[in-house]
């Protein structure tokens, strides 16, 4: 399943946004339901997320890797998450670009799901993912402004 999500961060520089989304404390605060977010090696993280949205409920353990980093413009996130509702495998390209309205962050992701998650359908999963990603970006914006002030 292909997913694209964009968010415009106003009033901050691309460099400030980049450093914010590289800060593991910020990421733990911004990831919905995040109970654990620890760096296990350079740019590799282990996390535990509790998700309770519609038919998707449960705890997921996830391994997240940041690769192909081109500061402050681009990186890829490779995510493998497991939980009772199934498994999620994602490859997301994160692009940061200056626009006249602010810094545009575009997430282009290819996501594969198995188990119960796969059986409930792409439309529902896509909707839940959109809410989670949207909330994540809003929380990142709030954390960025807190760091700048």
Protein backbone atom coordinates (compact mmCIF):
# COMPACT_ATOMS: atom_id res chain seq x y z
CA UNK A 1 0.00 0.00 0.00
CA UNK A 2 1.38 3.41 -0.97
CA UNK A 3 0.89 6.39 1.33
CA UNK A 4 1.80 10.05 0.86
CA UNK A 5 1.46 12.65 3.61
CA UNK A 6 2.64 16.27 3.67
CA UNK A 7 2.86 18.85 6.40
CA UNK A 8 4.05 22.47 6.31
CA UNK A 9 6.02 23.73 9.31
CA UNK A 10 5.75 27.51 9.57
CA UNK A 11 8.23 29.86 11.17
CA UNK A 12 11.19 27.47 11.44
CA UNK A 13 14.18 26.66 9.28
CA UNK A 14 14.83 23.37 7.55
CA UNK A 15 17.90 22.90 9.78
CA UNK A 16 15.84 23.41 12.94
CA UNK A 17 13.22 20.93 11.76
CA UNK A 18 15.94 18.43 10.85
CA UNK A 19 17.55 18.60 14.29
CA UNK A 20 14.13 18.27 15.95
CA UNK A 21 13.21 15.10 14.06
CA UNK A 22 16.61 13.65 14.93
CA UNK A 23 16.07 14.20 18.68
CA UNK A 24 15.02 10.91 20.30
CA UNK A 25 13.32 12.61 23.28
CA UNK A 26 11.20 14.67 20.88
CA UNK A 27 10.36 11.59 18.83
CA UNK A 28 9.26 9.68 21.91
CA UNK A 29 6.93 12.56 22.90
CA UNK A 30 5.56 12.93 19.36
CA UNK A 31 4.90 9.28 18.51
CA UNK A 32 1.32 8.50 19.57
CA UNK A 33 1.21 5.89 22.34
CA UNK A 34 5.01 5.65 22.52
CA UNK A 35 6.12 3.88 25.70
CA UNK A 36 9.75 3.19 24.76
CA UNK A 37 12.05 4.84 22.23
CA UNK A 38 15.69 3.99 22.65
CA UNK A 39 18.68 4.20 20.35
CA UNK A 40 20.33 0.79 20.07
CA UNK A 41 23.04 1.94 17.63
CA UNK A 42 23.64 4.97 15.40
CA UNK A 43 20.34 5.85 13.68
CA UNK A 44 18.71 2.56 14.78
CA UNK A 45 15.94 2.64 17.37
CA UNK A 46 13.78 0.18 19.27
CA UNK A 47 10.33 1.36 20.30
CA UNK A 48 7.13 0.15 21.91
CA UNK A 49 3.89 1.80 20.81
CA UNK A 50 0.41 1.34 22.22
CA UNK A 51 -2.19 1.95 19.51
CA UNK A 52 -5.91 2.12 20.15
CA UNK A 53 -7.71 3.47 17.08
CA UNK A 54 -10.87 1.91 15.75
CA UNK A 55 -10.27 -1.75 14.98
CA UNK A 56 -6.50 -1.43 15.49
CA UNK A 57 -5.73 -2.03 19.14
CA UNK A 58 -2.65 -3.37 20.81
CA UNK A 59 0.98 -2.95 21.57
CA UNK A 60 3.59 -2.99 18.84
CA UNK A 61 7.33 -3.40 19.19
CA UNK A 62 9.16 -1.71 16.37
CA UNK A 63 12.66 -1.45 15.00
CA UNK A 64 13.29 1.80 13.15
CA UNK A 65 16.33 2.62 11.04
CA UNK A 66 17.23 5.94 9.44
CA UNK A 67 19.27 5.44 6.26
CA UNK A 68 20.40 7.39 3.20
CA UNK A 69 20.60 10.57 5.28
CA UNK A 70 21.29 13.82 3.41
CA UNK A 71 21.12 16.49 6.10
CA UNK A 72 18.92 18.62 6.19
CA UNK A 73 16.89 17.50 3.17
CA UNK A 74 16.25 13.76 3.04
CA UNK A 75 16.31 10.42 4.83
CA UNK A 76 14.60 7.06 4.62
CA UNK A 77 12.89 5.34 7.51
CA UNK A 78 12.79 1.56 7.51
CA UNK A 79 10.27 0.26 10.03
CA UNK A 80 9.44 -3.26 11.12
CA UNK A 81 6.69 -3.47 13.76
CA UNK A 82 5.09 -6.54 15.36
CA UNK A 83 2.03 -6.85 17.53
CA UNK A 84 -0.97 -9.11 18.15
CA UNK A 85 -2.91 -7.40 15.35
CA UNK A 86 -0.16 -8.28 12.84
CA UNK A 87 3.07 -6.97 11.39
CA UNK A 88 3.92 -3.77 9.58
CA UNK A 89 6.84 -3.33 7.20
CA UNK A 90 7.37 0.23 5.96
CA UNK A 91 9.89 2.07 3.80
CA UNK A 92 9.31 5.83 3.99
CA UNK A 93 11.16 8.60 2.20
CA UNK A 94 11.18 11.83 4.19
CA UNK A 95 11.83 14.99 2.14
CA UNK A 96 12.24 18.45 3.66
CA UNK A 97 12.00 21.42 1.33
CA UNK A 98 11.83 25.17 1.81
CA UNK A 99 8.72 26.84 0.38
CA UNK A 100 7.35 30.36 0.69
CA UNK A 101 4.88 29.02 3.29
CA UNK A 102 7.49 27.28 5.43
CA UNK A 103 9.29 23.93 5.43
CA UNK A 104 7.32 21.25 3.59
CA UNK A 105 7.90 17.74 4.91
CA UNK A 106 6.70 15.04 2.53
CA UNK A 107 6.48 11.41 3.61
CA UNK A 108 6.24 8.91 0.74
CA UNK A 109 5.80 5.44 2.18
CA UNK A 110 5.35 1.92 0.92
CA UNK A 111 3.65 -0.12 3.65
CA UNK A 112 3.00 -3.85 3.85
CA UNK A 113 0.81 -5.37 6.56
CA UNK A 114 0.07 -8.95 7.59
CA UNK A 115 -2.23 -10.70 10.03
CA UNK A 116 -5.45 -9.14 11.30
CA UNK A 117 -4.25 -5.77 10.03
CA UNK A 118 -4.24 -7.08 6.46
CA UNK A 119 -7.71 -8.58 6.84
CA UNK A 120 -9.37 -5.33 7.95
CA UNK A 121 -8.52 -3.62 4.71
CA UNK A 122 -6.31 -0.93 3.27
CA UNK A 123 -8.90 1.81 3.54
CA UNK A 124 -9.24 1.47 7.30
CA UNK A 125 -5.48 1.08 7.81
CA UNK A 126 -4.82 4.07 5.55
CA UNK A 127 -7.27 6.19 7.55
CA UNK A 128 -5.74 5.22 10.90
CA UNK A 129 -2.22 5.78 9.55
CA UNK A 130 -3.22 9.23 8.26
CA UNK A 131 -4.52 10.22 11.71
CA UNK A 132 -1.37 8.92 13.44
CA UNK A 133 0.99 10.62 10.98
CA UNK A 134 -0.99 13.88 11.12
CA UNK A 135 -0.87 13.91 14.93
CA UNK A 136 2.85 13.08 14.83
CA UNK A 137 3.58 16.07 12.56
CA UNK A 138 1.49 18.41 14.75
CA UNK A 139 3.36 17.23 17.85
CA UNK A 140 6.72 17.64 16.08
CA UNK A 141 5.75 21.22 15.19
CA UNK A 142 4.83 21.92 18.84
CA UNK A 143 8.12 20.40 20.07
CA UNK A 144 10.11 22.36 17.48
CA UNK A 145 8.59 25.63 18.66
CA UNK A 146 9.31 24.65 22.30
CA UNK A 147 12.97 24.04 21.43
CA UNK A 148 13.27 27.35 19.55
CA UNK A 149 11.69 29.47 22.33
